[in-house]
N, C-alpha and C. Protein backbone atom coordinates (compact mmCIF):
# COMPACT_ATOMS: atom_id res chain seq x y z
N MET A 1 80.21 71.18 91.69
CA MET A 1 79.45 71.29 92.93
C MET A 1 78.10 70.61 92.70
N PRO A 2 77.65 69.79 93.66
CA PRO A 2 76.39 69.09 93.49
C PRO A 2 75.21 70.05 93.42
N ALA A 3 74.19 69.65 92.66
CA ALA A 3 73.01 70.49 92.50
C ALA A 3 72.19 70.54 93.78
N GLN A 4 72.11 69.39 94.50
CA GLN A 4 71.35 69.41 95.75
C GLN A 4 72.16 70.13 96.81
N GLY A 5 71.48 70.62 97.81
CA GLY A 5 72.21 71.34 98.84
C GLY A 5 71.40 71.49 100.09
N GLN A 6 71.97 72.20 101.01
CA GLN A 6 71.34 72.45 102.30
C GLN A 6 70.71 73.84 102.27
N VAL A 7 69.67 73.99 103.06
CA VAL A 7 69.02 75.28 103.19
C VAL A 7 69.23 75.74 104.62
N SER A 8 69.60 77.01 104.78
CA SER A 8 69.86 77.53 106.11
C SER A 8 69.52 79.00 106.16
N ARG A 9 69.15 79.46 107.31
CA ARG A 9 68.93 80.89 107.52
C ARG A 9 70.26 81.51 107.93
N VAL A 10 70.45 82.76 107.54
CA VAL A 10 71.68 83.46 107.89
C VAL A 10 71.30 84.58 108.86
N ALA A 11 71.93 84.57 110.02
CA ALA A 11 71.59 85.52 111.08
C ALA A 11 72.44 86.78 110.99
N VAL A 12 72.06 87.66 110.07
CA VAL A 12 72.70 88.97 109.95
C VAL A 12 71.60 90.00 109.71
N ASP A 13 71.91 91.26 109.99
CA ASP A 13 70.90 92.29 109.76
C ASP A 13 70.75 92.55 108.27
N ASP A 14 69.68 93.24 107.90
CA ASP A 14 69.37 93.48 106.49
C ASP A 14 70.48 94.23 105.76
N GLU A 15 71.07 95.20 106.42
CA GLU A 15 72.13 95.99 105.79
C GLU A 15 73.32 95.11 105.39
N ARG A 16 73.72 94.23 106.30
CA ARG A 16 74.84 93.33 106.00
C ARG A 16 74.47 92.33 104.92
N TRP A 17 73.23 91.83 104.95
CA TRP A 17 72.81 90.87 103.93
C TRP A 17 72.84 91.52 102.54
N VAL A 18 72.37 92.75 102.44
CA VAL A 18 72.40 93.47 101.16
C VAL A 18 73.84 93.65 100.69
N ALA A 19 74.73 94.01 101.60
CA ALA A 19 76.15 94.18 101.24
C ALA A 19 76.74 92.86 100.77
N PHE A 20 76.38 91.76 101.44
CA PHE A 20 76.88 90.44 101.05
C PHE A 20 76.36 90.07 99.67
N ARG A 21 75.09 90.30 99.44
CA ARG A 21 74.51 89.99 98.11
C ARG A 21 75.20 90.80 97.02
N GLN A 22 75.51 92.05 97.31
CA GLN A 22 76.20 92.89 96.33
C GLN A 22 77.61 92.36 96.07
N ALA A 23 78.27 91.85 97.11
CA ALA A 23 79.60 91.26 96.92
C ALA A 23 79.52 90.04 96.02
N ALA A 24 78.49 89.23 96.20
CA ALA A 24 78.31 88.06 95.33
C ALA A 24 78.04 88.50 93.89
N LEU A 25 77.19 89.49 93.73
CA LEU A 25 76.89 90.00 92.38
C LEU A 25 78.14 90.56 91.71
N ALA A 26 78.96 91.25 92.48
CA ALA A 26 80.19 91.81 91.94
C ALA A 26 81.12 90.71 91.43
N ARG A 27 81.03 89.53 92.04
CA ARG A 27 81.85 88.40 91.60
C ARG A 27 81.17 87.61 90.48
N GLY A 28 79.93 87.99 90.19
CA GLY A 28 79.21 87.34 89.11
C GLY A 28 78.73 85.94 89.45
N ILE A 29 78.48 85.69 90.74
CA ILE A 29 77.99 84.37 91.14
C ILE A 29 76.75 84.52 92.02
N PRO A 30 75.90 83.51 92.02
CA PRO A 30 74.72 83.56 92.90
C PRO A 30 75.14 83.56 94.37
N VAL A 31 74.29 84.12 95.21
CA VAL A 31 74.57 84.16 96.64
C VAL A 31 74.79 82.75 97.18
N SER A 32 73.99 81.80 96.72
CA SER A 32 74.13 80.42 97.22
C SER A 32 75.51 79.86 96.89
N ALA A 33 76.01 80.15 95.71
CA ALA A 33 77.35 79.67 95.33
C ALA A 33 78.42 80.38 96.16
N TYR A 34 78.22 81.67 96.42
CA TYR A 34 79.17 82.42 97.23
C TYR A 34 79.21 81.88 98.66
N LEU A 35 78.03 81.59 99.23
CA LEU A 35 77.98 80.99 100.56
C LEU A 35 78.67 79.63 100.55
N GLY A 36 78.45 78.86 99.50
CA GLY A 36 79.11 77.56 99.38
C GLY A 36 80.62 77.69 99.37
N LYS A 37 81.12 78.70 98.66
CA LYS A 37 82.57 78.93 98.63
C LYS A 37 83.10 79.28 100.02
N LEU A 38 82.33 80.07 100.76
CA LEU A 38 82.74 80.43 102.13
C LEU A 38 82.77 79.20 103.03
N VAL A 39 81.79 78.32 102.89
CA VAL A 39 81.77 77.09 103.68
C VAL A 39 82.99 76.24 103.34
N GLU A 40 83.26 76.06 102.05
CA GLU A 40 84.43 75.26 101.64
C GLU A 40 85.73 75.87 102.15
N ALA A 41 85.85 77.18 102.07
CA ALA A 41 87.07 77.85 102.55
C ALA A 41 87.25 77.65 104.05
N GLU A 42 86.15 77.74 104.80
CA GLU A 42 86.23 77.54 106.25
C GLU A 42 86.62 76.11 106.59
N LEU A 43 86.05 75.15 105.90
CA LEU A 43 86.41 73.75 106.15
C LEU A 43 87.87 73.49 105.78
N LYS A 44 88.33 74.07 104.69
CA LYS A 44 89.73 73.91 104.30
C LYS A 44 90.65 74.55 105.34
N ARG A 45 90.27 75.72 105.83
CA ARG A 45 91.07 76.43 106.83
C ARG A 45 91.19 75.60 108.11
N ARG A 46 90.11 74.92 108.47
CA ARG A 46 90.09 74.15 109.72
C ARG A 46 90.72 72.77 109.58
N SER A 47 90.81 72.25 108.37
CA SER A 47 91.34 70.89 108.21
C SER A 47 92.81 70.86 108.62
N GLY A 48 93.19 69.78 109.23
CA GLY A 48 94.57 69.64 109.68
C GLY A 48 94.86 70.33 111.00
N ARG A 49 93.91 71.03 111.53
CA ARG A 49 94.11 71.72 112.80
C ARG A 49 93.63 70.81 113.94
N ALA A 50 94.22 71.00 115.09
CA ALA A 50 93.91 70.15 116.24
C ALA A 50 92.42 70.15 116.56
N VAL A 51 91.79 71.29 116.51
CA VAL A 51 90.39 71.41 116.89
C VAL A 51 89.48 70.67 115.91
N ALA A 52 89.90 70.49 114.68
CA ALA A 52 89.07 69.78 113.69
C ALA A 52 88.94 68.30 114.02
N LYS A 53 89.87 67.77 114.79
CA LYS A 53 89.87 66.35 115.13
C LYS A 53 89.11 66.04 116.42
N VAL A 54 88.61 67.05 117.08
CA VAL A 54 87.91 66.84 118.36
C VAL A 54 86.47 66.43 118.09
N GLU A 55 86.10 65.30 118.65
CA GLU A 55 84.74 64.79 118.53
C GLU A 55 83.86 65.45 119.60
N PRO A 56 82.59 65.64 119.31
CA PRO A 56 81.70 66.25 120.32
C PRO A 56 81.64 65.47 121.63
N GLU A 57 81.89 64.17 121.56
CA GLU A 57 81.83 63.33 122.77
C GLU A 57 83.11 63.42 123.61
N THR A 58 84.13 64.08 123.09
CA THR A 58 85.40 64.21 123.81
C THR A 58 85.15 64.95 125.12
N PRO A 59 85.78 64.50 126.21
CA PRO A 59 85.60 65.20 127.49
C PRO A 59 85.94 66.69 127.37
N ALA A 60 85.23 67.48 128.14
CA ALA A 60 85.37 68.94 128.07
C ALA A 60 86.80 69.41 128.28
N ASP A 61 87.54 68.78 129.19
CA ASP A 61 88.91 69.23 129.44
C ASP A 61 89.79 69.01 128.21
N GLU A 62 89.59 67.90 127.50
CA GLU A 62 90.36 67.64 126.29
C GLU A 62 89.96 68.60 125.17
N GLN A 63 88.67 68.94 125.09
CA GLN A 63 88.23 69.93 124.11
C GLN A 63 88.87 71.28 124.39
N ALA A 64 88.93 71.65 125.66
CA ALA A 64 89.53 72.94 126.04
C ALA A 64 91.01 72.97 125.70
N ILE A 65 91.73 71.87 125.94
CA ILE A 65 93.16 71.80 125.62
C ILE A 65 93.36 71.91 124.10
N ALA A 66 92.53 71.23 123.33
CA ALA A 66 92.65 71.31 121.87
C ALA A 66 92.36 72.73 121.38
N ALA A 67 91.35 73.36 121.97
CA ALA A 67 91.03 74.75 121.59
C ALA A 67 92.17 75.69 121.97
N LEU A 68 92.76 75.47 123.13
CA LEU A 68 93.89 76.29 123.57
C LEU A 68 95.06 76.15 122.60
N ALA A 69 95.35 74.92 122.19
CA ALA A 69 96.43 74.70 121.22
C ALA A 69 96.12 75.42 119.90
N GLU A 70 94.87 75.40 119.49
CA GLU A 70 94.45 76.08 118.27
C GLU A 70 94.65 77.59 118.39
N VAL A 71 94.24 78.15 119.50
CA VAL A 71 94.39 79.59 119.72
C VAL A 71 95.87 79.96 119.72
N ARG A 72 96.70 79.15 120.39
CA ARG A 72 98.14 79.46 120.45
C ARG A 72 98.76 79.42 119.06
N ALA A 73 98.36 78.44 118.23
CA ALA A 73 98.87 78.36 116.85
C ALA A 73 98.43 79.59 116.05
N SER A 74 97.21 80.03 116.26
CA SER A 74 96.71 81.22 115.57
C SER A 74 97.48 82.47 116.00
N ILE A 75 97.78 82.57 117.29
CA ILE A 75 98.57 83.70 117.78
C ILE A 75 99.94 83.72 117.13
N ALA A 76 100.56 82.55 117.01
CA ALA A 76 101.88 82.46 116.38
C ALA A 76 101.81 82.91 114.92
N GLU A 77 100.76 82.47 114.21
CA GLU A 77 100.58 82.89 112.81
C GLU A 77 100.42 84.40 112.71
N LEU A 78 99.59 84.95 113.56
CA LEU A 78 99.37 86.40 113.55
C LEU A 78 100.63 87.17 113.91
N ASP A 79 101.42 86.63 114.83
CA ASP A 79 102.67 87.28 115.20
C ASP A 79 103.64 87.31 114.02
N GLN A 80 103.66 86.23 113.23
CA GLN A 80 104.52 86.21 112.04
C GLN A 80 104.05 87.26 111.03
N ILE A 81 102.75 87.38 110.86
CA ILE A 81 102.20 88.39 109.95
C ILE A 81 102.54 89.78 110.44
N ALA A 82 102.37 90.01 111.75
CA ALA A 82 102.70 91.31 112.32
C ALA A 82 104.16 91.66 112.10
N GLY A 83 105.04 90.69 112.26
CA GLY A 83 106.46 90.93 112.03
C GLY A 83 106.75 91.32 110.59
N ARG A 84 106.15 90.59 109.66
CA ARG A 84 106.37 90.92 108.24
C ARG A 84 105.84 92.31 107.92
N LEU A 85 104.68 92.65 108.47
CA LEU A 85 104.11 93.98 108.22
C LEU A 85 104.96 95.08 108.86
N ALA A 86 105.45 94.83 110.07
CA ALA A 86 106.29 95.82 110.74
C ALA A 86 107.56 96.07 109.94
N ARG A 87 108.23 95.00 109.52
CA ARG A 87 109.47 95.16 108.74
C ARG A 87 109.18 95.82 107.39
N SER A 88 108.04 95.49 106.79
CA SER A 88 107.66 96.12 105.52
C SER A 88 107.42 97.62 105.71
N ALA A 89 106.75 97.98 106.80
CA ALA A 89 106.50 99.40 107.07
C ALA A 89 107.82 100.16 107.19
N VAL A 90 108.77 99.59 107.92
CA VAL A 90 110.08 100.24 108.09
C VAL A 90 110.83 100.27 106.76
N ASP A 91 110.77 99.16 106.00
CA ASP A 91 111.45 99.12 104.69
C ASP A 91 110.90 100.16 103.73
N HIS A 92 109.64 100.55 103.93
CA HIS A 92 109.00 101.51 103.03
C HIS A 92 108.97 102.92 103.61
N GLY A 93 109.80 103.19 104.61
CA GLY A 93 109.94 104.56 105.09
C GLY A 93 109.36 104.85 106.45
N GLY A 94 108.65 103.91 107.02
CA GLY A 94 108.15 104.11 108.38
C GLY A 94 109.28 103.96 109.38
N SER A 95 109.03 104.33 110.59
CA SER A 95 110.05 104.19 111.64
C SER A 95 109.60 103.14 112.65
N TRP A 96 110.57 102.67 113.45
CA TRP A 96 110.21 101.73 114.52
C TRP A 96 109.34 102.42 115.55
N SER A 97 109.47 103.73 115.65
CA SER A 97 108.59 104.49 116.54
C SER A 97 107.15 104.42 116.05
N ASP A 98 106.97 104.54 114.72
CA ASP A 98 105.63 104.42 114.14
C ASP A 98 105.05 103.04 114.40
N VAL A 99 105.88 102.00 114.19
CA VAL A 99 105.44 100.62 114.41
C VAL A 99 105.05 100.45 115.87
N ALA A 100 105.89 100.92 116.78
CA ALA A 100 105.62 100.79 118.21
C ALA A 100 104.33 101.49 118.59
N SER A 101 104.11 102.66 118.03
CA SER A 101 102.90 103.41 118.32
C SER A 101 101.66 102.64 117.86
N ALA A 102 101.74 102.05 116.66
CA ALA A 102 100.61 101.27 116.15
C ALA A 102 100.33 100.05 117.01
N LEU A 103 101.38 99.47 117.57
CA LEU A 103 101.24 98.27 118.40
C LEU A 103 101.00 98.59 119.87
N ARG A 104 101.11 99.88 120.20
CA ARG A 104 100.95 100.35 121.58
C ARG A 104 101.95 99.69 122.54
N ILE A 105 103.19 99.62 122.03
CA ILE A 105 104.28 99.11 122.85
C ILE A 105 105.46 100.05 122.71
N ASP A 106 106.49 99.83 123.50
CA ASP A 106 107.71 100.63 123.47
C ASP A 106 108.47 100.36 122.16
N GLU A 107 109.15 101.38 121.66
CA GLU A 107 109.91 101.24 120.40
C GLU A 107 110.94 100.12 120.48
N ALA A 108 111.65 100.04 121.60
CA ALA A 108 112.65 98.98 121.75
C ALA A 108 112.00 97.60 121.73
N GLU A 109 110.82 97.48 122.34
CA GLU A 109 110.10 96.20 122.32
C GLU A 109 109.69 95.83 120.90
N ALA A 110 109.20 96.81 120.15
CA ALA A 110 108.78 96.57 118.78
C ALA A 110 109.95 96.10 117.93
N HIS A 111 111.07 96.78 118.06
CA HIS A 111 112.25 96.42 117.27
C HIS A 111 112.77 95.05 117.68
N ALA A 112 112.78 94.78 118.99
CA ALA A 112 113.26 93.48 119.47
C ALA A 112 112.34 92.35 118.99
N ALA A 113 111.05 92.61 118.99
CA ALA A 113 110.09 91.57 118.61
C ALA A 113 110.06 91.32 117.11
N TYR A 114 110.22 92.38 116.31
CA TYR A 114 109.98 92.25 114.88
C TYR A 114 111.10 92.75 113.98
N GLY A 115 112.19 93.24 114.57
CA GLY A 115 113.26 93.83 113.77
C GLY A 115 113.91 92.88 112.79
N GLU A 116 114.18 91.69 113.21
CA GLU A 116 114.80 90.69 112.34
C GLU A 116 113.99 89.42 112.42
N PRO A 117 113.71 88.81 111.26
CA PRO A 117 112.95 87.55 111.34
C PRO A 117 113.80 86.45 111.94
N GLY A 118 113.41 85.95 113.08
CA GLY A 118 114.11 84.85 113.71
C GLY A 118 113.79 83.54 113.01
N PRO A 119 114.50 82.46 113.34
CA PRO A 119 114.25 81.18 112.70
C PRO A 119 112.80 80.73 112.83
N GLU A 120 112.17 81.03 113.99
CA GLU A 120 110.78 80.63 114.16
C GLU A 120 109.82 81.56 113.44
N ARG A 121 110.31 82.71 112.97
CA ARG A 121 109.45 83.67 112.30
C ARG A 121 109.64 83.69 110.79
N ARG A 122 110.63 83.01 110.28
CA ARG A 122 110.90 83.08 108.84
C ARG A 122 109.72 82.54 108.05
N PRO A 123 109.35 83.26 106.96
CA PRO A 123 108.21 82.81 106.15
C PRO A 123 108.47 81.49 105.49
């Protein structure tokens, strides 16, 4: 990592900043290095995504469509995670009723949505 860097203020309350500093200390790294790791992780997470390719000069409607596609992809990812967690809960002794209650949906809906990993849901 280069020695030179950017300086920025972080807009969080004192309690959160202290907790963040303690998290960095627990990892044995300076806060600046920890913040750098978070920046790198965020950039890596965003790379390859539709929204990362949108230029600020892009018309607003195109930006909105790219953002919508990004949100939809994120929903699909979260749905896959939810399915794996639901099946894991049942595999470990939970019931579909428990899963449905946690999701605030009907038991039959929960089982239909997450009971078996479909081709689009397979990890």
